Protein backbone atom coordinates (compact mmCIF):
# COMPACT_ATOMS: atom_id res chain seq x y z
CA MET A 1 115.24 114.45 19.04
CA GLU A 2 114.05 111.82 21.34
CA GLN A 3 110.97 113.67 22.38
CA SER A 4 109.79 114.23 18.58
CA LEU A 5 110.25 110.54 18.09
CA ALA A 6 108.21 109.75 20.97
CA SER A 7 105.82 111.89 19.84
CA LYS A 8 105.42 110.48 16.30
CA ILE A 9 105.17 107.04 17.95
CA LEU A 10 102.21 107.92 20.16
CA SER A 11 100.35 109.13 17.12
CA LYS A 12 100.79 106.31 15.22
CA ILE A 13 99.57 104.08 18.03
CA GLY A 14 96.52 106.49 18.50
CA LEU A 15 95.88 106.27 14.72
CA ALA A 16 96.32 102.63 15.01
CA ILE A 17 93.64 102.23 18.13
CA LEU A 18 91.30 104.59 16.35
CA VAL A 19 91.45 102.52 13.29
CA VAL A 20 90.84 99.36 15.25
CA ALA A 21 87.84 100.94 17.05
CA LEU A 22 86.25 102.03 13.91
CA PHE A 23 86.74 98.77 11.99
CA ASP A 24 85.13 96.78 15.38
CA LEU A 25 82.34 99.47 15.11
CA VAL A 26 81.64 98.85 11.76
CA LEU A 27 82.07 95.18 12.20
CA LEU A 28 79.48 95.08 15.33
CA ASN A 29 77.07 97.12 13.28
CA TRP A 30 77.07 94.79 10.14
CA TRP A 31 76.65 91.69 12.84
CA ILE A 32 73.57 93.44 14.40
CA PHE A 33 72.06 94.23 11.00
CA LYS A 34 72.42 90.61 9.94
CA LYS A 35 71.13 89.34 12.92
CA ASN A 36 68.06 91.66 12.99
CA PRO A 37 67.38 93.25 9.69
CA ASN A 38 64.12 94.90 10.80
CA GLU A 39 66.28 96.59 13.61
CA THR A 40 64.88 100.40 13.50
CA PHE A 41 67.07 102.83 11.46
CA GLN A 42 67.91 105.92 13.27
CA THR A 43 67.87 109.22 11.21
CA ALA A 44 69.30 112.27 12.56
CA THR A 45 67.31 115.56 13.14
CA ASP A 46 67.92 118.83 14.66
CA LYS A 47 66.28 118.00 17.93
CA GLY A 48 67.43 114.61 18.17
CA THR A 49 67.11 111.55 16.68
CA VAL A 50 63.72 110.04 15.27
CA ALA A 51 62.97 106.19 14.71
CA ALA A 52 61.86 105.44 11.36
CA SER A 53 60.88 102.10 10.80
CA PRO A 54 60.46 100.19 7.64
CA PRO A 55 57.05 98.64 6.54
CA GLY A 56 55.86 95.93 8.91
CA SER A 57 58.26 96.43 11.80
CA LEU A 58 57.46 97.84 15.18
CA GLY A 59 56.77 101.73 15.44
CA PHE A 60 54.03 104.18 14.83
CA SER A 61 51.20 102.67 13.04
CA SER A 62 49.43 104.54 10.05
CA PRO A 63 45.56 105.33 10.80
CA ALA A 64 44.82 103.01 8.16
CA SER A 65 46.33 100.22 10.31
CA ILE A 66 44.50 100.81 13.53
CA PRO A 67 41.70 98.29 13.89
CA LEU A 68 38.14 99.60 14.13
CA VAL A 69 36.19 98.66 17.06
CA SER A 70 32.49 97.93 16.04
CA GLN A 71 29.80 98.34 18.46
CA THR A 72 27.63 95.17 19.13
CA PRO A 73 24.09 95.45 20.11
CA SER A 74 23.27 94.76 23.48
CA PRO A 75 21.93 91.08 23.91
CA SER A 76 18.20 92.33 24.70
CA SER A 77 17.95 94.04 21.10
CA GLN A 78 19.10 90.79 19.52
CA VAL A 79 16.76 88.31 21.19
CA GLN A 80 13.51 88.17 19.44
CA SER A 81 10.68 86.38 20.98
CA THR A 82 7.74 84.57 19.15
CA PRO A 83 4.96 85.78 20.00
CA ALA A 84 1.64 83.93 20.95
CA PRO A 85 -1.29 84.05 19.27
CA GLN A 86 -2.61 87.57 20.03
CA ALA A 87 -6.13 88.13 21.35
CA GLN A 88 -8.07 90.94 19.34
CA THR A 89 -10.60 93.10 20.97
CA GLN A 90 -13.61 94.50 19.18
CA PRO A 91 -15.26 97.02 21.29
CA GLN A 92 -19.22 97.33 20.41
CA ASN A 93 -21.55 99.91 21.25
CA GLN A 94 -24.81 98.25 21.89
CA SER A 95 -28.11 100.27 23.05
CA GLN A 96 -29.76 99.02 26.03
CA SER A 97 -33.56 98.51 26.10
CA GLN A 98 -33.66 100.16 29.46
CA PRO A 99 -31.68 102.94 30.88
CA VAL A 100 -29.02 101.30 32.63
CA GLN A 101 -25.47 102.51 33.80
CA THR A 102 -22.67 100.63 32.83
CA VAL A 103 -19.26 101.48 33.33
CA VAL A 104 -16.28 99.70 31.35
CA GLN A 105 -12.38 99.87 31.78
CA LYS A 106 -10.56 98.82 29.01
CA GLU A 107 -7.30 97.19 29.36
CA THR A 108 -4.35 96.07 27.26
CA GLN A 109 -4.82 92.72 26.20
CA THR A 110 -1.69 90.29 26.96
CA ILE A 111 -1.72 86.64 26.75
CA ILE A 112 0.22 84.79 29.52
CA GLN A 113 1.30 81.49 28.96
CA THR A 114 2.52 79.34 31.65
CA PRO A 115 5.21 76.18 31.63
CA GLN A 116 2.18 74.42 32.93
CA LYS A 117 0.43 74.80 29.42
CA GLU A 118 -2.18 77.17 30.95
CA ILE A 119 -2.65 80.18 28.83
CA TYR A 120 -4.42 83.17 30.35
CA ILE A 121 -6.31 85.73 28.20
CA PRO A 122 -7.64 89.02 29.73
CA ILE A 123 -11.19 90.27 28.82
CA GLY A 124 -11.27 93.50 30.80
CA SER A 125 -13.33 94.80 33.53
CA GLY A 126 -16.58 96.32 34.15
CA SER A 127 -19.70 97.21 36.15
CA THR A 128 -23.25 97.50 35.82
CA LYS A 129 -26.60 98.22 37.66
CA SER A 130 -28.68 96.12 35.63
CA GLY A 131 -31.05 93.61 37.04
CA THR A 132 -30.64 91.32 34.31
CA TYR A 133 -27.84 90.22 32.25
CA ALA A 134 -26.20 93.04 30.42
CA ASP A 135 -23.37 93.33 28.10
CA LEU A 136 -20.18 95.02 29.28
CA SER A 137 -19.41 96.55 26.12
CA GLY A 138 -15.54 96.46 25.39
CA ALA A 139 -15.11 93.85 28.06
CA GLN A 140 -14.49 90.94 25.11
CA VAL A 141 -12.11 89.01 22.94
CA ILE A 142 -11.49 86.95 20.02
CA ILE A 143 -10.14 83.57 20.59
CA ASP A 144 -9.20 81.61 17.47
CA THR A 145 -8.65 77.73 18.81
CA THR A 146 -7.45 77.08 15.65
CA GLN A 147 -4.19 78.68 16.75
CA TYR A 148 -3.26 76.99 20.07
CA PRO A 149 -2.25 73.48 20.54
CA PRO A 150 -5.03 70.73 21.39
CA ILE A 151 -7.35 72.55 24.23
CA ASP A 152 -8.33 70.39 26.99
CA TYR A 153 -10.91 73.01 28.40
CA MET A 154 -11.55 76.53 29.28
CA VAL A 155 -13.13 78.35 32.43
CA PHE A 156 -13.90 82.19 33.16
CA GLN A 157 -12.01 83.74 36.10
CA ALA A 158 -12.37 86.96 37.49
CA SER A 159 -12.67 89.13 40.61
CA ILE A 160 -16.46 90.05 41.51
CA TRP A 161 -18.25 91.95 44.11
CA VAL A 162 -21.32 94.10 44.66
CA ASP A 163 -21.44 97.68 45.85
CA ASN A 164 -21.35 97.82 49.84
CA GLY A 165 -22.29 94.07 49.80
CA ASN A 166 -25.71 94.77 49.36
CA GLY A 167 -27.57 92.29 47.33
CA LYS A 168 -25.24 89.81 45.03
CA ALA A 169 -23.25 90.15 41.84
CA TRP A 170 -23.27 87.80 38.79
CA ALA A 171 -21.18 87.39 35.62
CA ARG A 172 -20.85 85.16 32.72
CA ILE A 173 -19.46 84.75 29.35
CA ILE A 174 -21.50 84.79 26.28
CA ASN A 175 -20.31 83.60 22.73
CA VAL A 176 -21.44 86.60 20.69
CA ASN A 177 -21.05 84.99 17.04
CA ASP A 178 -23.73 82.48 17.85
CA ASN A 179 -25.52 84.69 20.92
CA ASN A 180 -25.22 81.62 23.19
CA PRO A 181 -24.34 82.13 27.00
CA PHE A 182 -22.38 79.80 28.64
CA TYR A 183 -24.26 79.00 31.83
CA GLU A 184 -21.38 76.77 32.84
CA SER A 185 -19.40 80.03 32.98
CA GLU A 186 -21.60 81.91 35.75
CA ILE A 187 -19.68 83.36 38.92
CA SER A 188 -21.19 85.05 41.80
CA SER A 189 -20.37 87.02 44.88
CA SER A 190 -22.42 88.76 47.73
CA SER A 191 -18.98 90.50 49.09
CA GLY A 192 -18.50 94.19 49.28
CA THR A 193 -14.83 93.54 48.21
CA GLY A 194 -13.38 91.82 45.13
CA GLU A 195 -13.47 87.90 45.42
CA PHE A 196 -11.79 85.91 42.84
CA ARG A 197 -13.97 83.08 41.40
CA THR A 198 -13.41 80.42 39.08
CA SER A 199 -16.14 79.07 36.51
CA GLY A 200 -16.83 75.45 35.50
CA LYS A 201 -15.54 74.40 32.12
CA ILE A 202 -16.64 76.39 29.21
CA PRO A 203 -17.71 74.78 25.72
CA PHE A 204 -15.56 75.98 22.98
CA ASN A 205 -15.91 75.75 19.14
CA TYR A 206 -13.04 75.46 17.04
CA GLY A 207 -12.23 78.76 14.82
CA PRO A 208 -12.41 82.48 15.62
CA LYS A 209 -15.26 83.24 18.19
CA THR A 210 -15.90 86.69 20.10
CA TYR A 211 -16.35 85.96 23.94
CA ARG A 212 -17.76 88.93 25.85
CA ILE A 213 -18.53 89.27 29.72
CA GLN A 214 -22.19 89.78 30.90
CA ALA A 215 -23.13 90.92 34.56
CA LYS A 216 -26.27 91.71 36.78
CA THR A 217 -27.12 92.92 40.21
CA ASP A 218 -29.82 91.74 42.38
CA MET A 219 -30.26 95.06 43.81
CA THR A 220 -30.18 98.01 41.05
CA ASP A 221 -29.26 100.55 43.54
CA PHE A 222 -25.79 98.49 44.09
CA ALA A 223 -23.44 97.92 40.88
CA ALA A 224 -22.18 94.37 40.17
CA ASN A 225 -18.42 95.11 39.63
CA VAL A 226 -16.29 92.63 37.61
CA GLY A 227 -12.36 93.22 37.56
CA ASN A 228 -9.35 91.34 36.28
CA ALA A 229 -11.79 89.20 34.10
CA MET A 230 -9.63 86.38 32.04
CA ILE A 231 -10.18 83.15 30.01
CA LYS A 232 -7.97 80.38 31.08
CA ILE A 233 -7.06 77.68 28.41
CA VAL A 234 -5.79 74.49 29.60
CA LEU A 235 -3.89 72.82 26.87
CA LYS A 236 -3.70 68.89 26.53
C-alpha cells in the first residue's frame, strides 16, 4: 500500500516536472522569436532539418538576387588620343628624260611631336645615280601649314651618303605645287656611310603643299642615297 502511494507521488512529481519543462521551453521559444523575428525556421525532413529563410533573411539567395559582375574594358581600350594632323602621301610616277636608276623605299608616315614644340614629319628614303637633281618618286609628303599652330621655321633632315664614298651625294626639298626647289634645304655628304644632316631654314607657304625629295651624285656610277628623311617643324 505504501509502495503504491509512493509510486503515485513520484508519477505526479514527474508529470509536474515535465509540464514545467514544456512551459519553460515554450516560454523560451516565444522570447527568442520576439527578440529575433527573422530567426530561421526549422522544417523537418526525412534526412534531417533544412533551414527555410523568410524573404529578406539570411540564407540561400535565389539566382535573381546574385549580383552580376560586368567586365570593364581595360584602360588602354578607353583612352583615345587626339591624332595630330596626318601627313598624306601621293606617289607620282614621272618619266625621266634620261635613263636613270632610281630606287625608292616607301615608309609609313608617322608624325612625331615633342614637348619642345618640334614636329617631325617623315618623307621617305631613296637613291639615284642621276648626275643632276632627280625626283625620288614617292618620297614626298603633303603639309598643310594652316592645320598647325603658328610655325617659326622648317628644316630638312636626312641621313645621306654615296656608294663606297666615291664622289659626293646631294639632296634637297622641292615644292612640287609651285615647282620651286628650296636651295636653303640642300644637304650633302661624301661619306660611304650614312651621315645625318640638317639644312638651313626652309621658306614655307600657308596652305597645303607637296614637298618632295630630289637627289643627285657627282659620279653616276655611284648612287646618292637618302634615308630617314623628314621635315622638322618648329612652332613659335
